[in-house]
């Protein structure tokens, strides 16, 4: 799925003011419907030096990219991490997917990701038993 970056301060403030918030263990997302899928990461200086902030942004971008395939509607999304001692891609990817399902932004109405749909999981279990 192709998505655009949110760059203008006007867009950031509008999303923060009007958008819906959802909280997870490792991050917060702020989202609102839009005409095309747009994305940004908000990482301030409170998270550490530039090396730490840049790594954090890379992890969050990849977590969004890996879960963006599941989005069923076009929306503008801001990812805001929570301050922690260590950050991991697995935690971010899990929480982004969980928040997308909780906010009903995913394509599957049952809350399952495309990897865990019936056809895929049944075919895998049949191959393992043979």
N, C-alpha and C. Protein backbone atom coordinates (compact mmCIF):
# COMPACT_ATOMS: atom_id res chain seq x y z
N UNK A 1 0.84 -1.17 0.00
CA UNK A 1 0.00 0.00 0.00
C UNK A 1 0.89 1.24 0.00
N UNK A 2 0.54 2.18 -0.81
CA UNK A 2 1.30 3.42 -0.92
C UNK A 2 0.71 4.43 0.05
N UNK A 3 1.56 5.15 0.74
CA UNK A 3 1.09 6.19 1.63
C UNK A 3 1.98 7.41 1.50
N UNK A 4 1.44 8.56 1.86
CA UNK A 4 2.16 9.83 1.79
C UNK A 4 2.59 10.26 3.18
N UNK A 5 3.56 11.16 3.24
CA UNK A 5 4.02 11.68 4.52
C UNK A 5 3.27 12.96 4.86
N UNK A 6 3.02 13.16 6.13
CA UNK A 6 2.44 14.41 6.61
C UNK A 6 3.61 15.32 6.95
N UNK A 7 3.65 16.50 6.34
CA UNK A 7 4.82 17.37 6.51
C UNK A 7 4.48 18.74 7.10
N UNK A 8 3.31 19.27 6.79
CA UNK A 8 3.00 20.65 7.19
C UNK A 8 2.49 20.73 8.62
N UNK A 9 2.89 21.77 9.31
CA UNK A 9 2.47 21.97 10.70
C UNK A 9 0.95 22.09 10.79
N UNK A 10 0.34 22.70 9.79
CA UNK A 10 -1.11 22.86 9.75
C UNK A 10 -1.81 21.50 9.79
N UNK A 11 -1.26 20.53 9.06
CA UNK A 11 -1.84 19.18 9.04
C UNK A 11 -1.66 18.48 10.39
N UNK A 12 -0.47 18.62 10.99
CA UNK A 12 -0.21 18.02 12.30
C UNK A 12 -1.19 18.55 13.34
N UNK A 13 -1.34 19.87 13.41
CA UNK A 13 -2.21 20.46 14.43
C UNK A 13 -3.67 20.08 14.21
N UNK A 14 -4.11 20.00 12.95
CA UNK A 14 -5.49 19.62 12.68
C UNK A 14 -5.75 18.17 13.13
N UNK A 15 -4.82 17.27 12.83
CA UNK A 15 -4.99 15.87 13.24
C UNK A 15 -4.96 15.75 14.76
N UNK A 16 -4.06 16.46 15.41
CA UNK A 16 -3.97 16.41 16.87
C UNK A 16 -5.21 17.01 17.53
N UNK A 17 -5.80 18.02 16.91
CA UNK A 17 -6.95 18.68 17.49
C UNK A 17 -8.26 17.90 17.23
N UNK A 18 -8.43 17.39 16.00
CA UNK A 18 -9.70 16.78 15.60
C UNK A 18 -9.67 15.25 15.65
N UNK A 19 -8.49 14.65 15.50
CA UNK A 19 -8.38 13.21 15.35
C UNK A 19 -8.75 12.41 16.58
N UNK A 20 -9.00 11.12 16.36
CA UNK A 20 -9.31 10.18 17.44
C UNK A 20 -8.02 9.57 17.95
N UNK A 21 -7.96 9.36 19.27
CA UNK A 21 -6.76 8.81 19.89
C UNK A 21 -7.02 7.39 20.36
N UNK A 22 -5.97 6.57 20.22
CA UNK A 22 -6.02 5.20 20.73
C UNK A 22 -4.67 4.92 21.38
N UNK A 23 -4.69 4.33 22.55
CA UNK A 23 -3.48 4.10 23.33
C UNK A 23 -3.18 2.61 23.45
N UNK A 24 -1.91 2.30 23.39
CA UNK A 24 -1.44 0.93 23.61
C UNK A 24 -0.27 0.99 24.58
N UNK A 25 0.33 -0.15 24.80
CA UNK A 25 1.42 -0.25 25.76
C UNK A 25 2.64 0.57 25.35
N UNK A 26 2.99 0.54 24.06
CA UNK A 26 4.23 1.18 23.63
C UNK A 26 4.03 2.47 22.85
N UNK A 27 2.80 2.79 22.43
CA UNK A 27 2.60 3.99 21.61
C UNK A 27 1.15 4.44 21.65
N UNK A 28 0.94 5.63 21.09
CA UNK A 28 -0.38 6.21 20.90
C UNK A 28 -0.54 6.54 19.43
N UNK A 29 -1.72 6.24 18.87
CA UNK A 29 -1.98 6.70 17.51
C UNK A 29 -3.07 7.75 17.56
N UNK A 30 -2.94 8.74 16.71
CA UNK A 30 -3.97 9.74 16.50
C UNK A 30 -4.32 9.65 15.03
N UNK A 31 -5.60 9.43 14.72
CA UNK A 31 -5.98 9.23 13.33
C UNK A 31 -7.28 9.96 13.02
N UNK A 32 -7.46 10.25 11.76
CA UNK A 32 -8.71 10.81 11.27
C UNK A 32 -8.87 10.41 9.81
N UNK A 33 -10.10 10.20 9.35
CA UNK A 33 -10.32 9.84 7.95
C UNK A 33 -9.83 10.95 7.02
N UNK A 34 -9.34 10.57 5.86
CA UNK A 34 -8.89 11.55 4.87
C UNK A 34 -9.07 10.96 3.48
N UNK A 35 -8.76 11.74 2.46
CA UNK A 35 -8.95 11.28 1.09
C UNK A 35 -7.87 10.31 0.63
N UNK A 36 -6.72 10.32 1.28
CA UNK A 36 -5.66 9.36 0.97
C UNK A 36 -4.89 9.03 2.25
N UNK A 37 -4.25 7.87 2.27
CA UNK A 37 -3.53 7.44 3.45
C UNK A 37 -2.26 8.26 3.62
N UNK A 38 -2.14 8.89 4.79
CA UNK A 38 -0.97 9.69 5.11
C UNK A 38 -0.47 9.29 6.48
N UNK A 39 0.82 9.53 6.73
CA UNK A 39 1.45 8.99 7.92
C UNK A 39 2.57 9.90 8.39
N UNK A 40 2.75 9.98 9.71
CA UNK A 40 3.87 10.72 10.29
C UNK A 40 4.20 10.14 11.66
N UNK A 41 5.43 10.39 12.09
CA UNK A 41 5.90 9.97 13.41
C UNK A 41 6.27 11.23 14.18
N UNK A 42 5.83 11.31 15.43
CA UNK A 42 6.16 12.45 16.29
C UNK A 42 7.13 11.99 17.38
N UNK A 43 8.39 12.37 17.22
CA UNK A 43 9.42 11.99 18.19
C UNK A 43 10.18 13.26 18.58
N UNK A 44 9.98 13.71 19.81
CA UNK A 44 10.64 14.92 20.29
C UNK A 44 11.95 14.63 20.97
N UNK A 45 12.57 15.67 21.49
CA UNK A 45 13.88 15.53 22.12
C UNK A 45 13.85 14.82 23.45
N UNK A 46 12.66 14.63 24.03
CA UNK A 46 12.59 13.94 25.32
C UNK A 46 12.94 12.46 25.20
N UNK A 47 12.99 11.93 23.98
CA UNK A 47 13.28 10.51 23.78
C UNK A 47 14.77 10.21 23.75
N UNK A 48 15.60 11.22 23.69
CA UNK A 48 17.04 10.99 23.73
C UNK A 48 17.76 11.76 22.65
N UNK A 49 19.01 11.39 22.45
CA UNK A 49 19.85 12.03 21.44
C UNK A 49 19.38 11.62 20.05
N UNK A 50 19.97 12.23 19.03
CA UNK A 50 19.50 12.04 17.66
C UNK A 50 19.61 10.58 17.19
N UNK A 51 20.61 9.87 17.65
CA UNK A 51 20.77 8.46 17.25
C UNK A 51 19.57 7.64 17.73
N UNK A 52 19.16 7.87 18.96
CA UNK A 52 18.02 7.14 19.53
C UNK A 52 16.73 7.55 18.84
N UNK A 53 16.55 8.86 18.61
CA UNK A 53 15.33 9.35 17.96
C UNK A 53 15.21 8.82 16.53
N UNK A 54 16.30 8.80 15.80
CA UNK A 54 16.26 8.30 14.42
C UNK A 54 15.97 6.80 14.38
N UNK A 55 16.54 6.04 15.30
CA UNK A 55 16.24 4.61 15.35
C UNK A 55 14.77 4.39 15.68
N UNK A 56 14.25 5.17 16.60
CA UNK A 56 12.85 5.09 16.98
C UNK A 56 11.94 5.39 15.79
N UNK A 57 12.31 6.40 15.02
CA UNK A 57 11.51 6.73 13.82
C UNK A 57 11.56 5.61 12.80
N UNK A 58 12.72 5.01 12.61
CA UNK A 58 12.83 3.88 11.66
C UNK A 58 11.96 2.71 12.11
N UNK A 59 11.99 2.39 13.39
CA UNK A 59 11.18 1.29 13.91
C UNK A 59 9.68 1.56 13.73
N UNK A 60 9.26 2.78 14.02
CA UNK A 60 7.84 3.12 13.89
C UNK A 60 7.39 3.13 12.43
N UNK A 61 8.24 3.64 11.53
CA UNK A 61 7.88 3.63 10.10
C UNK A 61 7.72 2.21 9.60
N UNK A 62 8.61 1.31 10.00
CA UNK A 62 8.53 -0.07 9.55
C UNK A 62 7.31 -0.77 10.17
N UNK A 63 6.99 -0.48 11.42
CA UNK A 63 5.81 -1.07 12.05
C UNK A 63 4.54 -0.62 11.32
N UNK A 64 4.48 0.66 10.94
CA UNK A 64 3.32 1.13 10.18
C UNK A 64 3.28 0.49 8.81
N UNK A 65 4.43 0.44 8.13
CA UNK A 65 4.47 -0.12 6.78
C UNK A 65 4.02 -1.58 6.77
N UNK A 66 4.43 -2.34 7.76
CA UNK A 66 4.07 -3.75 7.78
C UNK A 66 2.59 -3.96 8.09
N UNK A 67 1.94 -3.01 8.76
CA UNK A 67 0.52 -3.13 9.07
C UNK A 67 -0.37 -2.31 8.13
N UNK A 68 0.21 -1.50 7.25
CA UNK A 68 -0.59 -0.64 6.38
C UNK A 68 -1.38 -1.43 5.35
N UNK A 69 -0.95 -2.64 5.03
CA UNK A 69 -1.68 -3.48 4.07
C UNK A 69 -3.08 -3.80 4.57
N UNK A 70 -3.28 -3.82 5.87
CA UNK A 70 -4.58 -4.20 6.47
C UNK A 70 -5.58 -3.04 6.48
N UNK A 71 -5.14 -1.81 6.25
CA UNK A 71 -6.05 -0.67 6.35
C UNK A 71 -7.13 -0.76 5.28
N UNK A 72 -8.38 -0.57 5.70
CA UNK A 72 -9.49 -0.63 4.75
C UNK A 72 -9.98 0.75 4.35
N UNK A 73 -9.64 1.78 5.12
CA UNK A 73 -10.05 3.13 4.77
C UNK A 73 -8.81 4.00 4.66
N UNK A 74 -8.94 5.09 3.93
CA UNK A 74 -7.85 6.06 3.84
C UNK A 74 -7.93 6.96 5.06
N UNK A 75 -6.81 7.14 5.73
CA UNK A 75 -6.79 7.96 6.93
C UNK A 75 -5.41 8.57 7.12
N UNK A 76 -5.39 9.64 7.89
CA UNK A 76 -4.14 10.26 8.30
C UNK A 76 -3.79 9.74 9.69
N UNK A 77 -2.56 9.26 9.86
CA UNK A 77 -2.16 8.61 11.11
C UNK A 77 -0.90 9.26 11.65
N UNK A 78 -0.92 9.59 12.94
CA UNK A 78 0.28 10.03 13.66
C UNK A 78 0.62 8.95 14.67
N UNK A 79 1.88 8.55 14.71
CA UNK A 79 2.35 7.60 15.72
C UNK A 79 3.19 8.35 16.73
N UNK A 80 2.84 8.22 18.00
CA UNK A 80 3.57 8.89 19.07
C UNK A 80 4.01 7.81 20.05
N UNK A 81 5.31 7.54 20.16
CA UNK A 81 5.77 6.48 21.08
C UNK A 81 5.71 6.95 22.54
N UNK A 82 5.66 5.99 23.43
CA UNK A 82 5.77 6.30 24.85
C UNK A 82 7.23 6.20 25.26
N UNK A 83 7.64 7.04 26.17
CA UNK A 83 9.03 7.03 26.63
C UNK A 83 9.31 5.72 27.36
N UNK A 84 10.42 5.07 27.01
CA UNK A 84 10.81 3.80 27.63
C UNK A 84 12.33 3.70 27.60
N UNK A 85 12.86 2.71 28.34
CA UNK A 85 14.31 2.50 28.34
C UNK A 85 14.77 1.85 27.05
N UNK A 86 13.97 0.90 26.55
CA UNK A 86 14.31 0.19 25.31
C UNK A 86 13.10 0.17 24.39
N UNK A 87 13.36 0.16 23.09
CA UNK A 87 12.31 0.12 22.09
C UNK A 87 12.54 -1.09 21.20
N UNK A 88 11.46 -1.78 20.83
CA UNK A 88 11.62 -2.94 19.96
C UNK A 88 10.59 -2.89 18.83
N UNK A 89 11.01 -3.38 17.68
CA UNK A 89 10.13 -3.44 16.53
C UNK A 89 8.93 -4.34 16.81
N UNK A 90 9.16 -5.46 17.48
CA UNK A 90 8.08 -6.41 17.75
C UNK A 90 6.95 -5.76 18.56
N UNK A 91 7.31 -4.99 19.55
CA UNK A 91 6.29 -4.32 20.38
C UNK A 91 5.52 -3.29 19.56
N UNK A 92 6.24 -2.50 18.76
CA UNK A 92 5.57 -1.49 17.93
C UNK A 92 4.65 -2.14 16.90
N UNK A 93 5.13 -3.17 16.21
CA UNK A 93 4.32 -3.82 15.18
C UNK A 93 3.07 -4.45 15.80
N UNK A 94 3.24 -5.09 16.94
CA UNK A 94 2.09 -5.71 17.63
C UNK A 94 1.06 -4.65 18.02
N UNK A 95 1.53 -3.55 18.60
CA UNK A 95 0.60 -2.53 19.08
C UNK A 95 -0.06 -1.76 17.94
N UNK A 96 0.65 -1.51 16.86
CA UNK A 96 0.04 -0.83 15.71
C UNK A 96 -1.08 -1.70 15.14
N UNK A 97 -0.81 -2.99 14.96
CA UNK A 97 -1.84 -3.90 14.47
C UNK A 97 -3.03 -3.98 15.41
N UNK A 98 -2.75 -4.05 16.72
CA UNK A 98 -3.81 -4.14 17.71
C UNK A 98 -4.67 -2.88 17.69
N UNK A 99 -4.04 -1.72 17.58
CA UNK A 99 -4.80 -0.47 17.56
C UNK A 99 -5.61 -0.32 16.28
N UNK A 100 -5.06 -0.75 15.15
CA UNK A 100 -5.82 -0.70 13.90
C UNK A 100 -7.07 -1.58 14.01
N UNK A 101 -6.94 -2.76 14.60
CA UNK A 101 -8.10 -3.64 14.76
C UNK A 101 -9.10 -3.05 15.76
N UNK A 102 -8.59 -2.50 16.86
CA UNK A 102 -9.48 -1.93 17.88
C UNK A 102 -10.27 -0.76 17.33
N UNK A 103 -9.65 0.07 16.51
CA UNK A 103 -10.31 1.23 15.93
C UNK A 103 -11.09 0.90 14.67
N UNK A 104 -11.11 -0.38 14.31
CA UNK A 104 -11.83 -0.88 13.13
C UNK A 104 -11.35 -0.23 11.84
N UNK A 105 -10.04 -0.12 11.71
CA UNK A 105 -9.43 0.42 10.50
C UNK A 105 -8.97 -0.69 9.56
N UNK A 106 -9.09 -1.94 9.99
CA UNK A 106 -8.59 -3.06 9.20
C UNK A 106 -9.63 -3.54 8.20
N UNK A 107 -9.17 -4.29 7.20
CA UNK A 107 -10.04 -4.78 6.15
C UNK A 107 -10.95 -5.89 6.64
N UNK A 108 -10.49 -6.72 7.57
CA UNK A 108 -11.25 -7.86 8.04
C UNK A 108 -12.12 -7.45 9.21
N UNK A 109 -13.41 -7.67 9.11
CA UNK A 109 -14.34 -7.25 10.16
C UNK A 109 -14.25 -8.12 11.40
N UNK A 110 -13.66 -9.31 11.30
CA UNK A 110 -13.55 -10.20 12.44
C UNK A 110 -12.37 -9.85 13.34
N UNK A 111 -11.58 -8.85 12.94
CA UNK A 111 -10.44 -8.45 13.75
C UNK A 111 -9.21 -9.30 13.53
N UNK A 112 -9.23 -10.16 12.51
CA UNK A 112 -8.07 -11.00 12.21
C UNK A 112 -7.23 -10.36 11.13
N UNK A 113 -5.94 -10.51 11.24
CA UNK A 113 -5.04 -10.00 10.22
C UNK A 113 -5.08 -10.94 9.02
N UNK A 114 -4.63 -10.52 7.85
CA UNK A 114 -4.67 -11.38 6.67
C UNK A 114 -3.92 -12.69 6.85
N UNK A 115 -2.86 -12.74 7.67
CA UNK A 115 -2.10 -13.97 7.87
C UNK A 115 -2.90 -15.02 8.66
N UNK A 116 -3.85 -14.59 9.49
CA UNK A 116 -4.56 -15.55 10.34
C UNK A 116 -5.97 -15.85 9.84
N UNK A 117 -6.27 -15.49 8.60
CA UNK A 117 -7.58 -15.84 8.06
C UNK A 117 -7.68 -17.34 7.92
N UNK A 118 -8.87 -17.86 7.84
CA UNK A 118 -9.10 -19.30 7.86
C UNK A 118 -8.33 -20.05 6.79
N UNK A 119 -8.40 -19.60 5.55
CA UNK A 119 -7.79 -20.35 4.46
C UNK A 119 -6.29 -20.52 4.64
N UNK A 120 -5.61 -19.51 5.07
CA UNK A 120 -4.17 -19.57 5.22
C UNK A 120 -3.79 -20.46 6.40
N UNK A 121 -4.44 -20.28 7.54
CA UNK A 121 -4.07 -21.07 8.72
C UNK A 121 -4.44 -22.53 8.57
N UNK A 122 -5.57 -22.83 7.89
CA UNK A 122 -5.95 -24.22 7.67
C UNK A 122 -4.99 -24.92 6.73
N UNK A 123 -4.57 -24.22 5.65
CA UNK A 123 -3.65 -24.86 4.71
C UNK A 123 -2.29 -25.12 5.36
N UNK A 124 -1.87 -24.24 6.26
CA UNK A 124 -0.59 -24.45 6.95
C UNK A 124 -0.68 -25.65 7.90
N UNK A 125 -1.79 -25.76 8.62
CA UNK A 125 -1.93 -26.86 9.57
C UNK A 125 -2.06 -28.20 8.84
N UNK A 126 -2.67 -28.22 7.65
CA UNK A 126 -2.79 -29.45 6.88
C UNK A 126 -1.43 -29.89 6.37
N UNK A 127 -0.60 -28.95 5.94
CA UNK A 127 0.73 -29.29 5.43
C UNK A 127 1.61 -29.85 6.55
N UNK A 128 1.48 -29.30 7.77
CA UNK A 128 2.30 -29.77 8.87
C UNK A 128 1.91 -31.17 9.32
N UNK A 129 0.62 -31.54 9.20
CA UNK A 129 0.19 -32.84 9.65
C UNK A 129 0.54 -33.95 8.67
N UNK A 130 0.84 -33.60 7.41
CA UNK A 130 1.15 -34.62 6.40
C UNK A 130 2.54 -35.10 6.49
